[in-house]
Amino acid sequence: MQVVFDRARKLRQRDDAAAAAQREADYLKDEVAARLADRLLDIKGRVFADALDVGAGPGFLARHLDSALVRRLTMLDSSRKMLTRDADSATPQSQTSAQSPIQLQLQQLHLQTNDTDSNTDTIPITAVCADEEFLPFANDSFDAVFSSMALHWVNDLPGVLRQITNILKPDGLFLAAMPGGDSLFELRSSLQLAETERTGGVSPRVSPMATMRDLGALLSRAGMTLTTVDSDEIVVGYPSMYELIEDLRSMGEQNASIHR
């Protein structure tokens, strides 16, 4: 397995983002999660009794899930601070390392579903602090596995996809969203041009991302069937690259390449 990302650095970045008071940059991950949840509504006649959200963060996706479709949800994230960021202070505390999976019943989180009627049901949530590269679940554990804006930081993406295939029950669903190869193209190009002019060389200022073709092949290689890969574009304007970099830092999405 080729090591591309510094996972320890990424964990520190996410912990720092969770500890910061700023929440203005949440808009992007919230928008991606909302669009991902909308895709779930397109699947007719299915109810997912047990679902897993890999790289859940503070619950961006959970807030948009319909309790009529998802009955129970497990949120997994390597950053305990990010996982419990929006939970009530009464949430149980633990000193257990993220290397050893821990479970927290987030009874104080009260994530409202996306229902627009008077229905105030919430989805029962269990939070698991564990590395996204090593999913601590038995085979055939979940009816659905979701992931929103998380899998682009794993080193062994083929291995993680195989693990997801294993923990899914027969006829289970995998639904995910991640930045594609052209994301942050303007930032990447600007930094490369500036560095080439000043130093005559280029270093990886923006982390590499998978292409649609790569993802389709990886899904099939992992043993998934009836696969569909498409793209959705979100365009956000910034006055300069400095505001963009600040938002990336606030989201815990700054560069974590091992050779940065």
Protein backbone atom coordinates (compact mmCIF):
# COMPACT_ATOMS: atom_id res chain seq x y z
CA MET A 1 0.00 0.00 0.00
CA GLN A 2 1.36 3.38 -1.00
CA VAL A 3 1.18 5.97 1.77
CA VAL A 4 -0.02 9.27 0.27
CA PHE A 5 -1.52 11.04 3.27
CA ASP A 6 -0.21 11.67 6.76
CA ARG A 7 -3.14 10.31 8.76
CA ALA A 8 -1.78 11.58 12.08
CA ARG A 9 -1.51 15.09 10.62
CA LYS A 10 -5.03 14.86 9.24
CA LEU A 11 -6.33 13.82 12.66
CA ARG A 12 -4.66 16.85 14.26
CA GLN A 13 -6.11 19.12 11.57
CA ARG A 14 -9.63 17.79 12.17
CA ASP A 15 -9.23 18.06 15.94
CA ASP A 16 -8.13 21.69 15.56
CA ALA A 17 -11.08 22.42 13.25
CA ALA A 18 -13.49 20.89 15.76
CA ALA A 19 -12.04 22.94 18.61
CA ALA A 20 -12.31 26.22 16.71
CA ALA A 21 -15.33 28.42 17.33
CA GLN A 22 -15.86 29.23 13.65
CA ARG A 23 -18.69 27.34 11.93
CA GLU A 24 -19.19 29.49 8.81
CA ALA A 25 -17.31 26.99 6.63
CA ASP A 26 -19.78 24.20 7.46
CA TYR A 27 -21.93 25.30 4.54
CA LEU A 28 -20.03 23.20 2.00
CA LYS A 29 -20.10 19.89 3.82
CA ASP A 30 -23.71 20.52 4.78
CA GLU A 31 -24.62 21.12 1.13
CA VAL A 32 -22.86 17.95 -0.02
CA ALA A 33 -24.58 15.94 2.73
CA ALA A 34 -27.99 17.34 1.73
CA ARG A 35 -27.43 16.36 -1.90
CA LEU A 36 -26.31 12.89 -0.85
CA ALA A 37 -29.42 12.44 1.29
CA ASP A 38 -31.55 13.49 -1.69
CA ARG A 39 -30.06 10.61 -3.69
CA LEU A 40 -31.32 8.23 -1.01
CA LEU A 41 -34.87 9.45 -1.65
CA ASP A 42 -34.56 8.23 -5.24
CA ILE A 43 -34.35 4.63 -4.03
CA LYS A 44 -37.95 3.48 -3.82
CA GLY A 45 -39.31 0.74 -1.58
CA ARG A 46 -36.25 0.37 0.66
CA VAL A 47 -35.94 0.86 4.41
CA PHE A 48 -32.47 0.61 5.93
CA ALA A 49 -32.68 -0.74 9.46
CA ASP A 50 -28.97 -0.32 10.22
CA ALA A 51 -26.77 2.22 8.43
CA LEU A 52 -23.18 3.38 8.84
CA ASP A 53 -21.77 6.83 8.09
CA VAL A 54 -17.99 6.62 7.50
CA GLY A 55 -16.17 9.85 8.33
CA ALA A 56 -19.36 11.29 9.78
CA GLY A 57 -17.85 14.34 11.43
CA PRO A 58 -20.35 16.10 13.71
CA GLY A 59 -23.31 14.64 11.81
CA PHE A 60 -23.69 16.59 8.58
CA LEU A 61 -25.41 13.70 6.82
CA ALA A 62 -27.40 12.53 9.84
CA ARG A 63 -29.26 15.84 9.97
CA HIS A 64 -30.63 15.28 6.47
CA LEU A 65 -31.59 11.61 6.69
CA ASP A 66 -35.26 10.66 6.73
CA SER A 67 -36.17 8.55 9.76
CA ALA A 68 -38.69 6.69 7.62
CA LEU A 69 -35.83 5.36 5.48
CA VAL A 70 -33.01 4.96 8.04
CA ARG A 71 -34.04 3.46 11.36
CA ARG A 72 -30.66 3.33 13.16
CA LEU A 73 -27.38 5.07 12.33
CA THR A 74 -23.80 4.47 13.40
CA MET A 75 -21.51 7.49 12.95
CA LEU A 76 -17.81 6.64 12.64
CA ASP A 77 -14.96 9.13 12.66
CA SER A 78 -11.28 9.02 13.60
CA SER A 79 -11.56 12.40 15.34
CA ARG A 80 -13.42 12.12 18.61
CA LYS A 81 -13.51 15.91 18.91
CA MET A 82 -15.13 16.23 15.51
CA LEU A 83 -17.52 13.36 16.21
CA THR A 84 -18.83 15.00 19.39
CA ARG A 85 -18.41 18.63 18.30
CA ASP A 86 -22.11 19.44 18.30
CA ALA A 87 -23.11 17.08 21.08
CA ASP A 88 -24.31 18.32 24.46
CA SER A 89 -21.64 18.69 27.12
CA ALA A 90 -23.35 15.84 28.96
CA THR A 91 -22.14 13.37 26.34
CA PRO A 92 -19.99 10.71 28.05
CA GLN A 93 -16.29 11.52 28.03
CA SER A 94 -13.53 8.98 27.42
CA GLN A 95 -9.75 9.03 27.34
CA THR A 96 -9.61 6.02 25.01
CA SER A 97 -7.28 6.49 22.04
CA ALA A 98 -8.73 6.63 18.54
CA GLN A 99 -6.58 3.58 17.81
CA SER A 100 -8.98 1.55 19.94
CA PRO A 101 -12.66 1.85 18.89
CA ILE A 102 -14.96 3.38 21.48
CA GLN A 103 -18.71 3.77 21.41
CA LEU A 104 -20.57 6.82 22.66
CA GLN A 105 -24.34 6.95 22.85
CA LEU A 106 -25.00 10.48 21.65
CA GLN A 107 -28.31 10.80 23.44
CA GLN A 108 -27.88 14.56 23.79
CA LEU A 109 -27.22 15.22 20.10
CA HIS A 110 -30.90 15.19 19.04
CA LEU A 111 -30.27 15.38 15.31
CA GLN A 112 -33.57 16.32 13.70
CA THR A 113 -34.57 14.48 10.56
CA ASN A 114 -35.32 16.19 7.29
CA ASP A 115 -39.10 15.70 7.59
CA THR A 116 -41.09 18.84 6.88
CA ASP A 117 -44.30 17.71 8.60
CA SER A 118 -45.01 17.72 12.31
CA ASN A 119 -43.03 14.49 12.69
CA THR A 120 -40.29 15.13 15.25
CA ASP A 121 -38.80 11.60 15.24
CA THR A 122 -35.05 11.35 15.48
CA ILE A 123 -32.80 8.56 14.30
CA PRO A 124 -31.10 6.61 17.13
CA ILE A 125 -27.39 7.27 16.75
CA THR A 126 -24.33 5.44 18.01
CA ALA A 127 -20.97 7.14 17.60
CA VAL A 128 -17.83 5.07 17.09
CA CYS A 129 -14.38 6.65 17.26
CA ALA A 130 -12.15 4.57 14.99
CA ASP A 131 -9.86 4.91 11.99
CA GLU A 132 -11.76 5.10 8.70
CA GLU A 133 -9.09 2.86 7.15
CA PHE A 134 -9.87 -0.01 9.53
CA LEU A 135 -13.62 -0.44 9.99
CA PRO A 136 -14.22 -2.34 13.27
CA PHE A 137 -17.38 -4.18 12.23
CA ALA A 138 -18.29 -7.77 11.47
CA ASN A 139 -19.32 -8.92 8.02
CA ASP A 140 -22.98 -8.40 7.06
CA SER A 141 -23.50 -5.73 9.75
CA PHE A 142 -25.24 -2.94 7.81
CA ASP A 143 -28.01 -2.51 5.27
CA ALA A 144 -26.41 0.71 4.01
CA VAL A 145 -23.05 2.45 4.26
CA PHE A 146 -22.76 6.19 3.58
CA SER A 147 -19.78 8.50 3.40
CA SER A 148 -19.81 12.23 2.74
CA MET A 149 -16.56 14.15 2.15
CA ALA A 150 -14.30 11.69 3.96
CA LEU A 151 -12.90 8.92 1.76
CA HIS A 152 -10.54 11.24 -0.14
CA TRP A 153 -8.21 11.17 2.88
CA VAL A 154 -7.72 7.39 3.17
CA ASN A 155 -4.47 5.88 1.90
CA ASP A 156 -5.85 2.47 0.99
CA LEU A 157 -9.09 3.37 -0.79
CA PRO A 158 -9.37 -0.04 -2.53
CA GLY A 159 -8.95 -1.75 0.84
CA VAL A 160 -11.58 0.45 2.50
CA LEU A 161 -14.04 -0.23 -0.31
CA ARG A 162 -13.48 -3.97 0.11
CA GLN A 163 -14.14 -3.61 3.84
CA ILE A 164 -17.36 -1.76 3.06
CA THR A 165 -18.42 -4.54 0.71
CA ASN A 166 -17.79 -7.07 3.48
CA ILE A 167 -19.73 -5.27 6.20
CA LEU A 168 -22.71 -4.69 3.93
CA LYS A 169 -25.51 -7.23 4.06
CA PRO A 170 -26.52 -8.93 0.79
CA ASP A 171 -28.20 -6.37 -1.50
CA GLY A 172 -26.86 -3.59 0.72
CA LEU A 173 -26.36 -0.01 -0.45
CA PHE A 174 -23.17 2.04 -0.61
CA LEU A 175 -23.73 5.75 -1.21
CA ALA A 176 -20.84 8.21 -1.01
CA ALA A 177 -19.62 11.63 -2.10
CA MET A 178 -16.04 12.83 -2.28
CA PRO A 179 -14.11 15.61 -4.04
CA GLY A 180 -13.06 14.64 -7.54
CA GLY A 181 -9.89 15.16 -9.53
CA ASP A 182 -10.79 18.68 -10.74
CA SER A 183 -11.69 20.03 -7.31
CA LEU A 184 -9.69 23.11 -6.27
CA PHE A 185 -8.32 23.28 -9.82
CA GLU A 186 -7.87 27.07 -9.68
CA LEU A 187 -5.98 26.93 -6.38
CA ARG A 188 -3.80 24.06 -7.56
CA SER A 189 -2.93 25.78 -10.86
CA SER A 190 -2.19 29.15 -9.24
CA LEU A 191 0.15 27.65 -6.66
CA GLN A 192 1.93 25.56 -9.27
CA LEU A 193 2.50 28.55 -11.56
CA ALA A 194 3.70 30.77 -8.71
CA GLU A 195 6.07 28.12 -7.35
CA THR A 196 7.44 27.32 -10.82
CA GLU A 197 8.24 30.99 -11.42
CA ARG A 198 9.95 31.44 -8.07
CA THR A 199 11.73 28.11 -7.53
CA GLY A 200 11.68 26.34 -10.89
CA GLY A 201 9.87 23.33 -9.40
CA VAL A 202 6.54 22.17 -8.04
CA SER A 203 5.63 20.56 -4.70
CA PRO A 204 2.24 19.05 -3.79
CA ARG A 205 0.44 22.05 -2.28
CA VAL A 206 -3.00 20.50 -2.89
CA SER A 207 -3.68 16.87 -2.05
CA PRO A 208 -4.24 14.46 -4.97
CA MET A 209 -7.79 13.29 -5.67
CA ALA A 210 -9.26 10.31 -7.51
CA THR A 211 -10.93 10.66 -10.91
CA MET A 212 -14.35 9.33 -11.87
CA ARG A 213 -12.74 6.63 -14.03
CA ASP A 214 -10.59 5.48 -11.12
CA LEU A 215 -13.56 5.33 -8.75
CA GLY A 216 -15.66 3.25 -11.13
CA ALA A 217 -12.85 0.71 -11.49
CA LEU A 218 -12.24 0.62 -7.72
CA LEU A 219 -15.91 -0.02 -6.94
CA SER A 220 -16.01 -2.97 -9.35
CA ARG A 221 -12.70 -4.27 -8.00
CA ALA A 222 -14.13 -4.18 -4.48
CA GLY A 223 -16.91 -6.55 -5.54
CA MET A 224 -19.73 -4.04 -5.79
CA THR A 225 -22.33 -4.48 -8.51
CA LEU A 226 -24.79 -2.17 -10.27
CA THR A 227 -22.34 0.68 -9.70
CA THR A 228 -23.04 4.25 -10.79
CA VAL A 229 -20.51 7.09 -10.65
CA ASP A 230 -21.45 10.63 -11.58
CA SER A 231 -20.34 14.16 -10.78
CA ASP A 232 -22.05 17.18 -9.30
CA GLU A 233 -20.47 20.62 -9.39
CA ILE A 234 -20.53 23.17 -6.59
CA VAL A 235 -19.01 26.54 -7.50
CA VAL A 236 -18.06 28.93 -4.70
CA GLY A 237 -16.50 32.35 -5.27
CA TYR A 238 -13.79 33.82 -3.02
CA PRO A 239 -12.18 37.30 -3.08
CA SER A 240 -8.73 35.69 -3.01
CA MET A 241 -7.03 32.40 -2.25
CA TYR A 242 -6.46 33.45 1.36
CA GLU A 243 -10.17 33.29 2.24
CA LEU A 244 -10.38 29.90 0.53
CA ILE A 245 -7.41 28.57 2.48
CA GLU A 246 -8.95 29.84 5.71
CA ASP A 247 -12.19 27.99 4.97
CA LEU A 248 -10.28 24.81 4.15
CA ARG A 249 -8.51 25.11 7.50
CA SER A 250 -11.82 25.68 9.30
CA MET A 251 -13.19 22.49 7.71
CA GLY A 252 -10.06 20.48 8.53
CA GLU A 253 -9.51 20.03 4.79
CA GLN A 254 -6.05 21.53 4.37
CA ASN A 255 -3.26 19.59 2.67
CA ALA A 256 -2.10 16.41 4.42
CA SER A 257 0.12 14.89 1.74
CA ILE A 258 3.04 12.95 3.18
CA HIS A 259 5.44 14.85 0.87
CA ARG A 260 4.00 18.33 1.33
